[in-house]
Amino acid sequence: MDLHHPLFQAFALPLVVAFMVTGMLRGALGPVQGRRWAAAGVALAIVGSAAWILGWRLPPGSLTERLPWIYAIVALAGLGLEAVHAGRRTEWLTASILWALALASLAAQALPLMIGLWVLGTAVIRAVLREHAARANAAAILVVASLGLAAIAMTSGSALLFELSLALAAAVAGCALWLWPFVRIAFGAAGALVSTLAWLALTLATALLTEVRPLTLLLLAGAFTAGPLVHWGRRRLQRAAPPPSASARTWVEPLIVAAVAAAWVAAALAFAQWGDTGTPDAAMDDPYYKPRW
């Protein structure tokens, strides 16, 4: 068995680690504390898979070599916020500061562009954190958006970013299996922060290292509006019909949210294909990466 095969290190490893560690934390810590801390399994899977693929370089040189360190710092911050029972506003402020630091570390661009990227990132963070921690909505959006990012990275010629994005989707999916169809944990700061900032960092890396057009990534970021759109539609429907049961919200609603997010992803992929010029650069991979296909 090749432990460095892409199917293992970018799919099987993060999926199994996230699922097993989440379940072990849930069982070992009990129904109350285990429910709170179980989402740390996704943080371990994300950091572990990135380190497995990229390794730990000290000091980190290239943009991708910095990603495992950024993931680890954000994961520790998420654990700290969970330990102090931080509120959603505190989580959002902390994540926004971490995103600003990540931007400064990963990209040295013009100040107006950096501010725009920071604002976009904070909007994505808010969209994730405003979702109820005891539902699978946020996890569903992150899985769909990460799969879309993986597809865009591959069509843009980067097998490395494809693997990293697929690993992120697999890690969140492994944790989401404990949230859907039956809710047994909470997707709190221990998992939500590192998942969201990992997606933002990979999106930034895709924009900087490939020829993908910015509008494609903006359409992909639109997937994070799926939650607010579904909530708005539900409120409109409640005016004309009885409200759905609690079980319907936890079982059916994540599917609807995932479908809306998938529509945004499909639009981004269609736009990317429509604007594909077929140049040789689109088939090139990162010059420092040799994929094992």
C-alpha atoms as a PDB file:
ATOM      1  CA  MET A   1       0.000   0.000   0.000  1.00  0.00           C
ATOM      2  CA  ASP A   2       1.420   3.361  -1.078  1.00  0.00           C
ATOM      3  CA  LEU A   3       0.889   5.744   1.845  1.00  0.00           C
ATOM      4  CA  HIS A   4       1.752   8.676  -0.414  1.00  0.00           C
ATOM      5  CA  HIS A   5      -0.788   7.833  -3.085  1.00  0.00           C
ATOM      6  CA  PRO A   6      -3.132  10.802  -3.638  1.00  0.00           C
ATOM      7  CA  LEU A   7      -6.228   8.713  -2.912  1.00  0.00           C
ATOM      8  CA  PHE A   8      -4.805   7.847   0.502  1.00  0.00           C
ATOM      9  CA  GLN A   9      -3.227  11.094   1.666  1.00  0.00           C
ATOM     10  CA  ALA A  10      -5.875  13.395   0.188  1.00  0.00           C
ATOM     11  CA  PHE A  11      -9.018  11.362   0.839  1.00  0.00           C
ATOM     12  CA  ALA A  12      -8.818   8.205   2.949  1.00  0.00           C
ATOM     13  CA  LEU A  13      -6.425   9.554   5.605  1.00  0.00           C
ATOM     14  CA  PRO A  14      -8.288  12.782   6.527  1.00  0.00           C
ATOM     15  CA  LEU A  15     -11.717  11.120   6.228  1.00  0.00           C
ATOM     16  CA  VAL A  16     -10.849   8.209   8.526  1.00  0.00           C
ATOM     17  CA  VAL A  17      -8.883  10.326  11.024  1.00  0.00           C
ATOM     18  CA  ALA A  18     -11.651  12.919  11.319  1.00  0.00           C
ATOM     19  CA  PHE A  19     -14.381  10.297  11.685  1.00  0.00           C
ATOM     20  CA  MET A  20     -12.510   8.138  14.215  1.00  0.00           C
ATOM     21  CA  VAL A  21     -11.042  10.927  16.366  1.00  0.00           C
ATOM     22  CA  THR A  22     -14.380  12.737  16.476  1.00  0.00           C
ATOM     23  CA  GLY A  23     -16.105   9.557  17.604  1.00  0.00           C
ATOM     24  CA  MET A  24     -13.399   8.758  20.161  1.00  0.00           C
ATOM     25  CA  LEU A  25     -13.627  12.226  21.704  1.00  0.00           C
ATOM     26  CA  ARG A  26     -17.417  11.993  21.777  1.00  0.00           C
ATOM     27  CA  GLY A  27     -17.303   8.629  23.533  1.00  0.00           C
ATOM     28  CA  ALA A  28     -14.390   9.280  25.893  1.00  0.00           C
ATOM     29  CA  LEU A  29     -15.490  12.694  27.180  1.00  0.00           C
ATOM     30  CA  GLY A  30     -19.155  11.900  27.595  1.00  0.00           C
ATOM     31  CA  PRO A  31     -22.389  13.330  26.215  1.00  0.00           C
ATOM     32  CA  VAL A  32     -21.734  16.910  27.389  1.00  0.00           C
ATOM     33  CA  GLN A  33     -18.003  17.593  27.104  1.00  0.00           C
ATOM     34  CA  GLY A  34     -17.621  15.103  24.286  1.00  0.00           C
ATOM     35  CA  ARG A  35     -20.285  16.896  22.291  1.00  0.00           C
ATOM     36  CA  ARG A  36     -18.350  20.171  22.663  1.00  0.00           C
ATOM     37  CA  TRP A  37     -14.864  18.877  21.956  1.00  0.00           C
ATOM     38  CA  ALA A  38     -15.587  16.239  19.303  1.00  0.00           C
ATOM     39  CA  ALA A  39     -15.110  18.681  16.404  1.00  0.00           C
ATOM     40  CA  ALA A  40     -11.416  18.838  17.335  1.00  0.00           C
ATOM     41  CA  GLY A  41     -11.181  15.663  15.285  1.00  0.00           C
ATOM     42  CA  VAL A  42     -11.550  17.659  12.082  1.00  0.00           C
ATOM     43  CA  ALA A  43      -8.773  20.033  13.187  1.00  0.00           C
ATOM     44  CA  LEU A  44      -6.419  17.097  13.762  1.00  0.00           C
ATOM     45  CA  ALA A  45      -7.314  15.635  10.368  1.00  0.00           C
ATOM     46  CA  ILE A  46      -6.764  18.928   8.527  1.00  0.00           C
ATOM     47  CA  VAL A  47      -3.420  19.681  10.175  1.00  0.00           C
ATOM     48  CA  GLY A  48      -2.271  16.069   9.929  1.00  0.00           C
ATOM     49  CA  SER A  49      -3.117  15.648   6.252  1.00  0.00           C
ATOM     50  CA  ALA A  50      -1.447  18.951   5.329  1.00  0.00           C
ATOM     51  CA  ALA A  51       1.685  17.946   7.222  1.00  0.00           C
ATOM     52  CA  TRP A  52       1.615  14.499   5.589  1.00  0.00           C
ATOM     53  CA  ILE A  53       1.391  16.007   2.090  1.00  0.00           C
ATOM     54  CA  LEU A  54       3.665  19.036   2.549  1.00  0.00           C
ATOM     55  CA  GLY A  55       5.826  18.210   5.558  1.00  0.00           C
ATOM     56  CA  TRP A  56       7.064  20.620   8.209  1.00  0.00           C
ATOM     57  CA  ARG A  57       9.630  23.056   6.841  1.00  0.00           C
ATOM     58  CA  LEU A  58      11.404  25.392   9.256  1.00  0.00           C
ATOM     59  CA  PRO A  59      11.628  28.108   8.282  1.00  0.00           C
ATOM     60  CA  PRO A  60       8.881  27.695   5.683  1.00  0.00           C
ATOM     61  CA  GLY A  61       9.815  29.118   2.316  1.00  0.00           C
ATOM     62  CA  SER A  62       7.135  28.879  -0.356  1.00  0.00           C
ATOM     63  CA  LEU A  63       3.485  29.741   0.091  1.00  0.00           C
ATOM     64  CA  THR A  64       2.379  26.130   0.367  1.00  0.00           C
ATOM     65  CA  GLU A  65       5.076  25.326   2.936  1.00  0.00           C
ATOM     66  CA  ARG A  66       3.459  27.885   5.255  1.00  0.00           C
ATOM     67  CA  LEU A  67       0.033  26.271   5.100  1.00  0.00           C
ATOM     68  CA  PRO A  68       0.595  23.515   7.737  1.00  0.00           C
ATOM     69  CA  TRP A  69       1.891  26.129  10.182  1.00  0.00           C
ATOM     70  CA  ILE A  70      -1.096  28.387   9.566  1.00  0.00           C
ATOM     71  CA  TYR A  71      -3.459  25.446  10.006  1.00  0.00           C
ATOM     72  CA  ALA A  72      -1.782  24.483  13.285  1.00  0.00           C
ATOM     73  CA  ILE A  73      -1.941  28.016  14.704  1.00  0.00           C
ATOM     74  CA  VAL A  74      -5.618  28.395  13.800  1.00  0.00           C
ATOM     75  CA  ALA A  75      -6.404  24.953  15.211  1.00  0.00           C
ATOM     76  CA  LEU A  76      -4.808  25.881  18.542  1.00  0.00           C
ATOM     77  CA  ALA A  77      -6.748  29.147  18.573  1.00  0.00           C
ATOM     78  CA  GLY A  78      -9.977  27.230  17.962  1.00  0.00           C
ATOM     79  CA  LEU A  79      -9.220  24.880  20.844  1.00  0.00           C
ATOM     80  CA  GLY A  80      -8.499  27.857  23.082  1.00  0.00           C
ATOM     81  CA  LEU A  81     -11.798  29.515  22.176  1.00  0.00           C
ATOM     82  CA  GLU A  82     -13.631  26.284  22.873  1.00  0.00           C
ATOM     83  CA  ALA A  83     -11.912  25.973  26.252  1.00  0.00           C
ATOM     84  CA  VAL A  84     -13.072  29.435  27.391  1.00  0.00           C
ATOM     85  CA  HIS A  85     -16.607  28.999  26.014  1.00  0.00           C
ATOM     86  CA  ALA A  86     -16.142  32.013  23.729  1.00  0.00           C
ATOM     87  CA  GLY A  87     -19.206  33.514  22.094  1.00  0.00           C
ATOM     88  CA  ARG A  88     -19.748  33.727  18.366  1.00  0.00           C
ATOM     89  CA  ARG A  89     -18.674  37.387  18.225  1.00  0.00           C
ATOM     90  CA  THR A  90     -15.386  36.587  19.956  1.00  0.00           C
ATOM     91  CA  GLU A  91     -14.844  33.663  17.593  1.00  0.00           C
ATOM     92  CA  TRP A  92     -15.494  35.903  14.595  1.00  0.00           C
ATOM     93  CA  LEU A  93     -13.134  38.621  15.831  1.00  0.00           C
ATOM     94  CA  THR A  94     -10.389  36.074  16.545  1.00  0.00           C
ATOM     95  CA  ALA A  95     -10.824  34.393  13.173  1.00  0.00           C
ATOM     96  CA  SER A  96     -10.787  37.768  11.408  1.00  0.00           C
ATOM     97  CA  ILE A  97      -7.499  38.700  13.079  1.00  0.00           C
ATOM     98  CA  LEU A  98      -6.010  35.319  12.167  1.00  0.00           C
ATOM     99  CA  TRP A  99      -7.157  35.768   8.577  1.00  0.00           C
ATOM    100  CA  ALA A 100      -5.432  39.171   8.448  1.00  0.00           C
ATOM    101  CA  LEU A 101      -2.206  37.582   9.721  1.00  0.00           C
ATOM    102  CA  ALA A 102      -2.525  34.741   7.223  1.00  0.00           C
ATOM    103  CA  LEU A 103      -2.988  37.247   4.403  1.00  0.00           C
ATOM    104  CA  ALA A 104       0.126  39.122   5.457  1.00  0.00           C
ATOM    105  CA  SER A 105       2.053  35.850   5.543  1.00  0.00           C
ATOM    106  CA  LEU A 106       0.813  34.381   2.262  1.00  0.00           C
ATOM    107  CA  ALA A 107       0.423  37.365  -0.037  1.00  0.00           C
ATOM    108  CA  ALA A 108       2.149  40.715  -0.391  1.00  0.00           C
ATOM    109  CA  GLN A 109      -0.277  42.626  -2.594  1.00  0.00           C
ATOM    110  CA  ALA A 110      -1.465  46.213  -2.905  1.00  0.00           C
ATOM    111  CA  LEU A 111      -3.205  47.499   0.206  1.00  0.00           C
ATOM    112  CA  PRO A 112      -6.667  47.976  -1.411  1.00  0.00           C
ATOM    113  CA  LEU A 113      -6.577  44.393  -2.704  1.00  0.00           C
ATOM    114  CA  MET A 114      -5.504  43.089   0.708  1.00  0.00           C
ATOM    115  CA  ILE A 115      -8.371  44.954   2.369  1.00  0.00           C
ATOM    116  CA  GLY A 116     -10.814  43.525  -0.157  1.00  0.00           C
ATOM    117  CA  LEU A 117      -9.545  39.988   0.437  1.00  0.00           C
ATOM    118  CA  TRP A 118      -9.800  40.496   4.183  1.00  0.00           C
ATOM    119  CA  VAL A 119     -13.390  41.746   3.922  1.00  0.00           C
ATOM    120  CA  LEU A 120     -14.340  38.798   1.723  1.00  0.00           C
ATOM    121  CA  GLY A 121     -12.731  36.402   4.191  1.00  0.00           C
ATOM    122  CA  THR A 122     -14.496  37.894   7.179  1.00  0.00           C
ATOM    123  CA  ALA A 123     -17.818  37.566   5.348  1.00  0.00           C
ATOM    124  CA  VAL A 124     -17.116  33.879   4.708  1.00  0.00           C
ATOM    125  CA  ILE A 125     -16.149  33.385   8.358  1.00  0.00           C
ATOM    126  CA  ARG A 126     -19.329  35.075   9.533  1.00  0.00           C
ATOM    127  CA  ALA A 127     -21.450  32.928   7.212  1.00  0.00           C
ATOM    128  CA  VAL A 128     -19.976  29.771   8.764  1.00  0.00           C
ATOM    129  CA  LEU A 129     -20.108  30.891  12.385  1.00  0.00           C
ATOM    130  CA  ARG A 130     -23.675  32.157  12.214  1.00  0.00           C
ATOM    131  CA  GLU A 131     -24.899  28.629  11.492  1.00  0.00           C
ATOM    132  CA  HIS A 132     -26.170  26.622  14.454  1.00  0.00           C
ATOM    133  CA  ALA A 133     -23.374  24.456  15.851  1.00  0.00           C
ATOM    134  CA  ALA A 134     -25.773  21.543  16.384  1.00  0.00           C
ATOM    135  CA  ARG A 135     -26.690  21.312  12.698  1.00  0.00           C
ATOM    136  CA  ALA A 136     -24.763  20.138   9.666  1.00  0.00           C
ATOM    137  CA  ASN A 137     -25.353  23.286   7.581  1.00  0.00           C
ATOM    138  CA  ALA A 138     -21.883  24.805   7.985  1.00  0.00           C
ATOM    139  CA  ALA A 139     -20.150  21.464   7.480  1.00  0.00           C
ATOM    140  CA  ALA A 140     -22.205  20.803   4.336  1.00  0.00           C
ATOM    141  CA  ILE A 141     -21.233  24.163   2.849  1.00  0.00           C
ATOM    142  CA  LEU A 142     -17.550  23.619   3.627  1.00  0.00           C
ATOM    143  CA  VAL A 143     -17.559  20.154   2.058  1.00  0.00           C
ATOM    144  CA  VAL A 144     -19.249  21.345  -1.136  1.00  0.00           C
ATOM    145  CA  ALA A 145     -17.096  24.495  -1.399  1.00  0.00           C
ATOM    146  CA  SER A 146     -13.901  22.482  -0.814  1.00  0.00           C
ATOM    147  CA  LEU A 147     -14.850  19.952  -3.490  1.00  0.00           C
ATOM    148  CA  GLY A 148     -15.500  22.843  -5.864  1.00  0.00           C
ATOM    149  CA  LEU A 149     -12.121  24.351  -5.021  1.00  0.00           C
ATOM    150  CA  ALA A 150     -10.464  20.979  -5.650  1.00  0.00           C
ATOM    151  CA  ALA A 151     -12.085  20.786  -9.089  1.00  0.00           C
ATOM    152  CA  ILE A 152     -11.016  24.334  -9.953  1.00  0.00           C
ATOM    153  CA  ALA A 153      -7.451  23.656  -8.784  1.00  0.00           C
ATOM    154  CA  MET A 154      -7.234  20.550 -10.937  1.00  0.00           C
ATOM    155  CA  THR A 155      -8.643  22.230 -14.043  1.00  0.00           C
ATOM    156  CA  SER A 156      -6.219  25.106 -13.405  1.00  0.00           C
ATOM    157  CA  GLY A 157      -3.274  22.717 -13.464  1.00  0.00           C
ATOM    158  CA  SER A 158      -2.335  22.234  -9.801  1.00  0.00           C
ATOM    159  CA  ALA A 159      -2.469  18.668  -8.519  1.00  0.00           C
ATOM    160  CA  LEU A 160      -0.998  19.828  -5.202  1.00  0.00           C
ATOM    161  CA  LEU A 161      -3.798  22.299  -4.478  1.00  0.00           C
ATOM    162  CA  PHE A 162      -6.281  19.693  -5.689  1.00  0.00           C
ATOM    163  CA  GLU A 163      -4.997  17.251  -3.080  1.00  0.00           C
ATOM    164  CA  LEU A 164      -5.032  19.830  -0.294  1.00  0.00           C
ATOM    165  CA  SER A 165      -8.582  20.947  -1.138  1.00  0.00           C
ATOM    166  CA  LEU A 166      -9.801  17.358  -1.412  1.00  0.00           C
ATOM    167  CA  ALA A 167      -8.193  16.574   1.951  1.00  0.00           C
ATOM    168  CA  LEU A 168     -10.042  19.522   3.495  1.00  0.00           C
ATOM    169  CA  ALA A 169     -13.355  18.284   2.076  1.00  0.00           C
ATOM    170  CA  ALA A 170     -12.690  14.746   3.331  1.00  0.00           C
ATOM    171  CA  ALA A 171     -11.748  15.933   6.831  1.00  0.00           C
ATOM    172  CA  VAL A 172     -14.893  18.023   7.223  1.00  0.00           C
ATOM    173  CA  ALA A 173     -16.991  15.196   5.758  1.00  0.00           C
ATOM    174  CA  GLY A 174     -15.596  12.749   8.318  1.00  0.00           C
ATOM    175  CA  CYS A 175     -16.744  15.048  11.107  1.00  0.00           C
ATOM    176  CA  ALA A 176     -20.049  15.793   9.370  1.00  0.00           C
ATOM    177  CA  LEU A 177     -21.005  12.114   9.573  1.00  0.00           C
ATOM    178  CA  TRP A 178     -21.507  12.754  13.303  1.00  0.00           C
ATOM    179  CA  LEU A 179     -23.778  15.702  12.501  1.00  0.00           C
ATOM    180  CA  TRP A 180     -25.971  14.157   9.818  1.00  0.00           C
ATOM    181  CA  PRO A 181     -28.444  12.535   9.565  1.00  0.00           C
ATOM    182  CA  PHE A 182     -28.472  12.420  13.388  1.00  0.00           C
ATOM    183  CA  VAL A 183     -26.825  15.176  15.417  1.00  0.00           C
ATOM    184  CA  ARG A 184     -24.483  13.725  18.036  1.00  0.00           C
ATOM    185  CA  ILE A 185     -21.872  16.497  18.341  1.00  0.00           C
ATOM    186  CA  ALA A 186     -21.551  20.268  17.905  1.00  0.00           C
ATOM    187  CA  PHE A 187     -19.525  21.820  15.087  1.00  0.00           C
ATOM    188  CA  GLY A 188     -17.978  24.465  17.311  1.00  0.00           C
ATOM    189  CA  ALA A 189     -14.877  26.635  17.194  1.00  0.00           C
ATOM    190  CA  ALA A 190     -12.541  23.644  17.595  1.00  0.00           C
ATOM    191  CA  GLY A 191     -13.440  22.538  14.080  1.00  0.00           C
ATOM    192  CA  ALA A 192     -15.159  25.450  12.367  1.00  0.00           C
ATOM    193  CA  LEU A 193     -12.292  27.958  12.606  1.00  0.00           C
ATOM    194  CA  VAL A 194      -9.553  25.805  11.094  1.00  0.00           C
ATOM    195  CA  SER A 195     -11.911  24.465   8.405  1.00  0.00           C
ATOM    196  CA  THR A 196     -12.949  27.951   7.281  1.00  0.00           C
ATOM    197  CA  LEU A 197      -9.505  29.543   7.349  1.00  0.00           C
ATOM    198  CA  ALA A 198      -8.019  26.512   5.585  1.00  0.00           C
ATOM    199  CA  TRP A 199     -10.542  27.023   2.782  1.00  0.00           C
ATOM    200  CA  LEU A 200      -9.707  30.721   2.578  1.00  0.00           C
ATOM    201  CA  ALA A 201      -5.965  30.033   2.539  1.00  0.00           C
ATOM    202  CA  LEU A 202      -6.319  27.415  -0.212  1.00  0.00           C
ATOM    203  CA  THR A 203      -8.512  29.757  -2.248  1.00  0.00           C
ATOM    204  CA  LEU A 204      -5.860  32.462  -1.957  1.00  0.00           C
ATOM    205  CA  ALA A 205      -3.154  29.969  -2.944  1.00  0.00           C
ATOM    206  CA  THR A 206      -5.203  28.941  -5.981  1.00  0.00           C
ATOM    207  CA  ALA A 207      -5.563  32.581  -7.012  1.00  0.00           C
ATOM    208  CA  LEU A 208      -1.823  33.241  -6.651  1.00  0.00           C
ATOM    209  CA  LEU A 209      -0.352  30.002  -8.030  1.00  0.00           C
ATOM    210  CA  THR A 210      -2.653  29.290 -10.976  1.00  0.00           C
ATOM    211  CA  GLU A 211      -4.200  31.156 -13.891  1.00  0.00           C
ATOM    212  CA  VAL A 212      -7.751  30.913 -12.537  1.00  0.00           C
ATOM    213  CA  ARG A 213      -9.779  34.087 -12.996  1.00  0.00           C
ATOM    214  CA  PRO A 214     -10.815  35.981  -9.845  1.00  0.00           C
ATOM    215  CA  LEU A 215     -14.507  35.915 -10.783  1.00  0.00           C
ATOM    216  CA  THR A 216     -14.420  32.110 -10.731  1.00  0.00           C
ATOM    217  CA  LEU A 217     -13.296  32.139  -7.110  1.00  0.00           C
ATOM    218  CA  LEU A 218     -15.822  34.837  -6.239  1.00  0.00           C
ATOM    219  CA  LEU A 219     -18.595  32.630  -7.608  1.00  0.00           C
ATOM    220  CA  LEU A 220     -17.198  29.763  -5.566  1.00  0.00           C
ATOM    221  CA  ALA A 221     -17.243  31.922  -2.430  1.00  0.00           C
ATOM    222  CA  GLY A 222     -20.913  32.513  -3.146  1.00  0.00           C
ATOM    223  CA  ALA A 223     -21.491  28.970  -1.857  1.00  0.00           C
ATOM    224  CA  PHE A 224     -21.256  30.407   1.656  1.00  0.00           C
ATOM    225  CA  THR A 225     -24.437  32.401   1.051  1.00  0.00           C
ATOM    226  CA  ALA A 226     -26.338  29.093   0.903  1.00  0.00           C
ATOM    227  CA  GLY A 227     -27.145  29.149   4.612  1.00  0.00           C
ATOM    228  CA  PRO A 228     -28.558  32.700   4.714  1.00  0.00           C
ATOM    229  CA  LEU A 229     -30.507  32.083   1.494  1.00  0.00           C
ATOM    230  CA  VAL A 230     -32.112  28.930   2.881  1.00  0.00           C
ATOM    231  CA  HIS A 231     -32.949  30.659   6.177  1.00  0.00           C
ATOM    232  CA  TRP A 232     -34.532  33.562   4.279  1.00  0.00           C
ATOM    233  CA  GLY A 233     -36.569  31.203   2.132  1.00  0.00           C
ATOM    234  CA  ARG A 234     -37.731  29.244   5.180  1.00  0.00           C
ATOM    235  CA  ARG A 235     -38.944  32.412   6.889  1.00  0.00           C
ATOM    236  CA  ARG A 236     -40.891  33.401   3.783  1.00  0.00           C
ATOM    237  CA  LEU A 237     -42.510  29.963   3.591  1.00  0.00           C
ATOM    238  CA  GLN A 238     -43.396  29.991   7.283  1.00  0.00           C
ATOM    239  CA  ARG A 239     -45.692  32.937   6.674  1.00  0.00           C
ATOM    240  CA  ALA A 240     -47.882  30.778   4.442  1.00  0.00           C
ATOM    241  CA  ALA A 241     -47.401  27.344   6.036  1.00  0.00           C
ATOM    242  CA  PRO A 242     -46.745  25.823   9.476  1.00  0.00           C
ATOM    243  CA  PRO A 243     -43.066  25.778  10.512  1.00  0.00           C
ATOM    244  CA  PRO A 244     -41.190  22.514   9.902  1.00  0.00           C
ATOM    245  CA  SER A 245     -40.434  20.166  12.765  1.00  0.00           C
ATOM    246  CA  ALA A 246     -37.086  20.198  14.520  1.00  0.00           C
ATOM    247  CA  SER A 247     -36.156  16.835  13.015  1.00  0.00           C
ATOM    248  CA  ALA A 248     -36.858  18.171   9.514  1.00  0.00           C
ATOM    249  CA  ARG A 249     -34.528  21.097  10.121  1.00  0.00           C
ATOM    250  CA  THR A 250     -31.659  18.872  11.258  1.00  0.00           C
ATOM    251  CA  TRP A 251     -32.166  16.206   8.584  1.00  0.00           C
ATOM    252  CA  VAL A 252     -33.581  17.924   5.493  1.00  0.00           C
ATOM    253  CA  GLU A 253     -32.234  21.456   5.817  1.00  0.00           C
ATOM    254  CA  PRO A 254     -28.535  20.508   5.399  1.00  0.00           C
ATOM    255  CA  LEU A 255     -29.431  18.771   2.135  1.00  0.00           C
ATOM    256  CA  ILE A 256     -31.112  21.921   0.850  1.00  0.00           C
ATOM    257  CA  VAL A 257     -28.170  24.050   1.969  1.00  0.00           C
ATOM    258  CA  ALA A 258     -25.750  21.671   0.221  1.00  0.00           C
ATOM    259  CA  ALA A 259     -27.840  21.835  -2.967  1.00  0.00           C
ATOM    260  CA  VAL A 260     -27.791  25.638  -2.997  1.00  0.00           C
ATOM    261  CA  ALA A 261     -24.032  25.637  -2.360  1.00  0.00           C
ATOM    262  CA  ALA A 262     -23.596  23.111  -5.180  1.00  0.00           C
ATOM    263  CA  ALA A 263     -25.431  25.473  -7.535  1.00  0.00           C
ATOM    264  CA  TRP A 264     -22.832  28.167  -6.805  1.00  0.00           C
ATOM    265  CA  VAL A 265     -20.028  25.641  -7.324  1.00  0.00           C
ATOM    266  CA  ALA A 266     -21.551  24.550 -10.638  1.00  0.00           C
ATOM    267  CA  ALA A 267     -21.737  28.190 -11.744  1.00  0.00           C
ATOM    268  CA  ALA A 268     -18.067  28.700 -10.838  1.00  0.00           C
ATOM    269  CA  LEU A 269     -16.987  25.572 -12.716  1.00  0.00           C
ATOM    270  CA  ALA A 270     -19.082  26.518 -15.744  1.00  0.00           C
ATOM    271  CA  PHE A 271     -17.564  29.990 -15.782  1.00  0.00           C
ATOM    272  CA  ALA A 272     -14.062  28.508 -15.479  1.00  0.00           C
ATOM    273  CA  GLN A 273     -14.682  26.138 -18.393  1.00  0.00           C
ATOM    274  CA  TRP A 274     -16.365  28.811 -20.487  1.00  0.00           C
ATOM    275  CA  GLY A 275     -13.345  31.066 -20.130  1.00  0.00           C
ATOM    276  CA  ASP A 276     -10.745  28.324 -20.646  1.00  0.00           C
ATOM    277  CA  THR A 277      -8.398  29.347 -23.419  1.00  0.00           C
ATOM    278  CA  GLY A 278      -6.635  25.987 -23.601  1.00  0.00           C
ATOM    279  CA  THR A 279      -3.182  27.502 -23.199  1.00  0.00           C
ATOM    280  CA  PRO A 280      -0.261  25.201 -22.301  1.00  0.00           C
ATOM    281  CA  ASP A 281       0.066  26.891 -18.887  1.00  0.00           C
ATOM    282  CA  ALA A 282      -3.314  25.477 -17.878  1.00  0.00           C
ATOM    283  CA  ALA A 283      -1.842  21.973 -17.997  1.00  0.00           C
ATOM    284  CA  MET A 284       1.250  22.794 -15.955  1.00  0.00           C
ATOM    285  CA  ASP A 285       1.572  21.855 -12.321  1.00  0.00           C
ATOM    286  CA  ASP A 286       3.302  23.691  -9.506  1.00  0.00           C
ATOM    287  CA  PRO A 287       7.001  23.633 -10.500  1.00  0.00           C
ATOM    288  CA  TYR A 288       8.107  22.364  -7.077  1.00  0.00           C
ATOM    289  CA  TYR A 289       5.580  19.545  -6.871  1.00  0.00           C
ATOM    290  CA  LYS A 290       5.769  16.122  -8.511  1.00  0.00           C
ATOM    291  CA  PRO A 291       2.396  14.404  -8.203  1.00  0.00           C
ATOM    292  CA  ARG A 292       2.252  10.615  -7.918  1.00  0.00           C
ATOM    293  CA  TRP A 293      -0.614   9.663 -10.165  1.00  0.00           C
END
